Amino acid sequence: MLGLTSIHEAMADMADGHVDHDELVAGVFTEVKVPGKNGGTGEH
């Protein structure tokens, strides 16, 4: 039974890694709005 437990734990760790990676990639492609740049609210 210990073998199945370790497989379950490994699968849970792998799933957590995928979620973390997806959030990292989403952050790379999320536009951060900075006032005054790229049409922001700053003076030109």
PDB file of N, CA and C in Angstrom:
ATOM      1  N   MET A   1       0.824  -1.198   0.000  1.00  0.00           N
ATOM      2  CA  MET A   1       0.000   0.000   0.000  1.00  0.00           C
ATOM      3  C   MET A   1       0.866   1.259   0.000  1.00  0.00           C
ATOM      4  N   LEU A   2       2.072   1.163   0.526  1.00  0.00           N
ATOM      5  CA  LEU A   2       2.967   2.319   0.564  1.00  0.00           C
ATOM      6  C   LEU A   2       3.284   2.806  -0.841  1.00  0.00           C
ATOM      7  N   GLY A   3       3.377   1.898  -1.803  1.00  0.00           N
ATOM      8  CA  GLY A   3       3.668   2.285  -3.182  1.00  0.00           C
ATOM      9  C   GLY A   3       2.594   3.191  -3.753  1.00  0.00           C
ATOM     10  N   LEU A   4       1.326   2.860  -3.510  1.00  0.00           N
ATOM     11  CA  LEU A   4       0.236   3.688  -4.014  1.00  0.00           C
ATOM     12  C   LEU A   4       0.216   5.054  -3.338  1.00  0.00           C
ATOM     13  N   THR A   5       0.569   5.096  -2.072  1.00  0.00           N
ATOM     14  CA  THR A   5       0.612   6.373  -1.355  1.00  0.00           C
ATOM     15  C   THR A   5       1.674   7.280  -1.954  1.00  0.00           C
ATOM     16  N   SER A   6       2.837   6.725  -2.238  1.00  0.00           N
ATOM     17  CA  SER A   6       3.908   7.554  -2.793  1.00  0.00           C
ATOM     18  C   SER A   6       3.552   8.035  -4.195  1.00  0.00           C
ATOM     19  N   ILE A   7       2.854   7.204  -4.968  1.00  0.00           N
ATOM     20  CA  ILE A   7       2.418   7.628  -6.309  1.00  0.00           C
ATOM     21  C   ILE A   7       1.419   8.769  -6.180  1.00  0.00           C
ATOM     22  N   HIS A   8       0.484   8.652  -5.238  1.00  0.00           N
ATOM     23  CA  HIS A   8      -0.512   9.707  -5.021  1.00  0.00           C
ATOM     24  C   HIS A   8       0.174  11.024  -4.641  1.00  0.00           C
ATOM     25  N   GLU A   9       1.152  10.963  -3.748  1.00  0.00           N
ATOM     26  CA  GLU A   9       1.879  12.164  -3.328  1.00  0.00           C
ATOM     27  C   GLU A   9       2.647  12.772  -4.500  1.00  0.00           C
ATOM     28  N   ALA A  10       3.251  11.942  -5.318  1.00  0.00           N
ATOM     29  CA  ALA A  10       3.995  12.432  -6.475  1.00  0.00           C
ATOM     30  C   ALA A  10       3.060  13.104  -7.477  1.00  0.00           C
ATOM     31  N   MET A  11       1.892  12.540  -7.688  1.00  0.00           N
ATOM     32  CA  MET A  11       0.927  13.134  -8.610  1.00  0.00           C
ATOM     33  C   MET A  11       0.437  14.486  -8.095  1.00  0.00           C
ATOM     34  N   ALA A  12       0.214  14.585  -6.789  1.00  0.00           N
ATOM     35  CA  ALA A  12      -0.226  15.851  -6.196  1.00  0.00           C
ATOM     36  C   ALA A  12       0.864  16.909  -6.348  1.00  0.00           C
ATOM     37  N   ASP A  13       2.124  16.530  -6.125  1.00  0.00           N
ATOM     38  CA  ASP A  13       3.239  17.470  -6.298  1.00  0.00           C
ATOM     39  C   ASP A  13       3.347  17.926  -7.749  1.00  0.00           C
ATOM     40  N   MET A  14       3.165  17.008  -8.677  1.00  0.00           N
ATOM     41  CA  MET A  14       3.253  17.349 -10.093  1.00  0.00           C
ATOM     42  C   MET A  14       2.121  18.317 -10.471  1.00  0.00           C
ATOM     43  N   ALA A  15       0.927  18.082  -9.966  1.00  0.00           N
ATOM     44  CA  ALA A  15      -0.205  18.976 -10.256  1.00  0.00           C
ATOM     45  C   ALA A  15       0.064  20.367  -9.698  1.00  0.00           C
ATOM     46  N   ASP A  16       0.608  20.451  -8.489  1.00  0.00           N
ATOM     47  CA  ASP A  16       0.939  21.751  -7.900  1.00  0.00           C
ATOM     48  C   ASP A  16       1.970  22.478  -8.764  1.00  0.00           C
ATOM     49  N   GLY A  17       2.931  21.754  -9.286  1.00  0.00           N
ATOM     50  CA  GLY A  17       3.941  22.349 -10.148  1.00  0.00           C
ATOM     51  C   GLY A  17       3.339  22.925 -11.419  1.00  0.00           C
ATOM     52  N   HIS A  18       2.349  22.220 -11.972  1.00  0.00           N
ATOM     53  CA  HIS A  18       1.691  22.721 -13.183  1.00  0.00           C
ATOM     54  C   HIS A  18       0.928  24.009 -12.888  1.00  0.00           C
ATOM     55  N   VAL A  19       0.243  24.079 -11.757  1.00  0.00           N
ATOM     56  CA  VAL A  19      -0.502  25.284 -11.388  1.00  0.00           C
ATOM     57  C   VAL A  19       0.460  26.451 -11.219  1.00  0.00           C
ATOM     58  N   ASP A  20       1.570  26.224 -10.508  1.00  0.00           N
ATOM     59  CA  ASP A  20       2.563  27.287 -10.316  1.00  0.00           C
ATOM     60  C   ASP A  20       3.114  27.766 -11.656  1.00  0.00           C
ATOM     61  N   HIS A  21       3.404  26.833 -12.544  1.00  0.00           N
ATOM     62  CA  HIS A  21       3.955  27.189 -13.857  1.00  0.00           C
ATOM     63  C   HIS A  21       2.932  27.978 -14.667  1.00  0.00           C
ATOM     64  N   ASP A  22       1.662  27.553 -14.636  1.00  0.00           N
ATOM     65  CA  ASP A  22       0.623  28.278 -15.375  1.00  0.00           C
ATOM     66  C   ASP A  22       0.496  29.710 -14.878  1.00  0.00           C
ATOM     67  N   GLU A  23       0.573  29.904 -13.564  1.00  0.00           N
ATOM     68  CA  GLU A  23       0.479  31.248 -13.004  1.00  0.00           C
ATOM     69  C   GLU A  23       1.687  32.091 -13.413  1.00  0.00           C
ATOM     70  N   LEU A  24       2.856  31.483 -13.453  1.00  0.00           N
ATOM     71  CA  LEU A  24       4.064  32.185 -13.876  1.00  0.00           C
ATOM     72  C   LEU A  24       3.943  32.636 -15.329  1.00  0.00           C
ATOM     73  N   VAL A  25       3.490  31.741 -16.193  1.00  0.00           N
ATOM     74  CA  VAL A  25       3.345  32.074 -17.610  1.00  0.00           C
ATOM     75  C   VAL A  25       2.275  33.146 -17.790  1.00  0.00           C
ATOM     76  N   ALA A  26       1.179  33.049 -17.059  1.00  0.00           N
ATOM     77  CA  ALA A  26       0.127  34.070 -17.155  1.00  0.00           C
ATOM     78  C   ALA A  26       0.680  35.431 -16.753  1.00  0.00           C
ATOM     79  N   GLY A  27       1.538  35.464 -15.742  1.00  0.00           N
ATOM     80  CA  GLY A  27       2.141  36.721 -15.311  1.00  0.00           C
ATOM     81  C   GLY A  27       3.039  37.324 -16.363  1.00  0.00           C
ATOM     82  N   VAL A  28       3.687  36.495 -17.150  1.00  0.00           N
ATOM     83  CA  VAL A  28       4.564  36.985 -18.211  1.00  0.00           C
ATOM     84  C   VAL A  28       3.741  37.700 -19.285  1.00  0.00           C
ATOM     85  N   PHE A  29       2.543  37.195 -19.553  1.00  0.00           N
ATOM     86  CA  PHE A  29       1.719  37.740 -20.624  1.00  0.00           C
ATOM     87  C   PHE A  29       0.677  38.743 -20.147  1.00  0.00           C
ATOM     88  N   THR A  30       0.680  39.070 -18.860  1.00  0.00           N
ATOM     89  CA  THR A  30      -0.262  40.047 -18.328  1.00  0.00           C
ATOM     90  C   THR A  30       0.355  41.426 -18.442  1.00  0.00           C
ATOM     91  N   GLU A  31      -0.375  42.349 -19.033  1.00  0.00           N
ATOM     92  CA  GLU A  31       0.121  43.709 -19.208  1.00  0.00           C
ATOM     93  C   GLU A  31      -0.044  44.474 -17.906  1.00  0.00           C
ATOM     94  N   VAL A  32       1.035  45.039 -17.448  1.00  0.00           N
ATOM     95  CA  VAL A  32       1.016  45.862 -16.243  1.00  0.00           C
ATOM     96  C   VAL A  32       0.906  47.309 -16.690  1.00  0.00           C
ATOM     97  N   LYS A  33      -0.103  47.999 -16.200  1.00  0.00           N
ATOM     98  CA  LYS A  33      -0.309  49.386 -16.588  1.00  0.00           C
ATOM     99  C   LYS A  33       0.492  50.302 -15.674  1.00  0.00           C
ATOM    100  N   VAL A  34       1.356  51.114 -16.283  1.00  0.00           N
ATOM    101  CA  VAL A  34       2.193  52.044 -15.541  1.00  0.00           C
ATOM    102  C   VAL A  34       1.760  53.459 -15.928  1.00  0.00           C
ATOM    103  N   PRO A  35       1.315  54.262 -14.952  1.00  0.00           N
ATOM    104  CA  PRO A  35       0.900  55.623 -15.284  1.00  0.00           C
ATOM    105  C   PRO A  35       2.033  56.387 -15.973  1.00  0.00           C
ATOM    106  N   GLY A  36       1.661  57.086 -17.062  1.00  0.00           N
ATOM    107  CA  GLY A  36       2.640  57.881 -17.778  1.00  0.00           C
ATOM    108  C   GLY A  36       3.338  57.160 -18.896  1.00  0.00           C
ATOM    109  N   LYS A  37       3.106  55.871 -19.052  1.00  0.00           N
ATOM    110  CA  LYS A  37       3.748  55.108 -20.122  1.00  0.00           C
ATOM    111  C   LYS A  37       2.696  54.416 -20.975  1.00  0.00           C
ATOM    112  N   ASN A  38       2.958  54.371 -22.254  1.00  0.00           N
ATOM    113  CA  ASN A  38       2.089  53.652 -23.199  1.00  0.00           C
ATOM    114  C   ASN A  38       0.637  54.096 -23.107  1.00  0.00           C
ATOM    115  N   GLY A  39       0.401  55.391 -23.118  1.00  0.00           N
ATOM    116  CA  GLY A  39      -0.969  55.877 -23.104  1.00  0.00           C
ATOM    117  C   GLY A  39      -1.594  55.921 -21.730  1.00  0.00           C
ATOM    118  N   GLY A  40      -0.783  55.906 -20.688  1.00  0.00           N
ATOM    119  CA  GLY A  40      -1.299  55.957 -19.314  1.00  0.00           C
ATOM    120  C   GLY A  40      -1.831  57.329 -18.979  1.00  0.00           C
ATOM    121  N   THR A  41      -1.956  57.648 -17.721  1.00  0.00           N
ATOM    122  CA  THR A  41      -2.562  58.900 -17.289  1.00  0.00           C
ATOM    123  C   THR A  41      -1.541  60.002 -17.010  1.00  0.00           C
ATOM    124  N   GLY A  42      -0.274  59.786 -17.308  1.00  0.00           N
ATOM    125  CA  GLY A  42       0.759  60.781 -17.033  1.00  0.00           C
ATOM    126  C   GLY A  42       0.818  61.871 -18.090  1.00  0.00           C
ATOM    127  N   GLU A  43       1.644  62.853 -17.850  1.00  0.00           N
ATOM    128  CA  GLU A  43       1.831  63.961 -18.777  1.00  0.00           C
ATOM    129  C   GLU A  43       2.654  63.504 -19.974  1.00  0.00           C
ATOM    130  N   HIS A  44       2.370  64.084 -21.154  1.00  0.00           N
ATOM    131  CA  HIS A  44       3.131  63.737 -22.359  1.00  0.00           C
ATOM    132  C   HIS A  44       4.023  64.869 -22.757  1.00  0.00           C
TER     133      HIS A  44
END
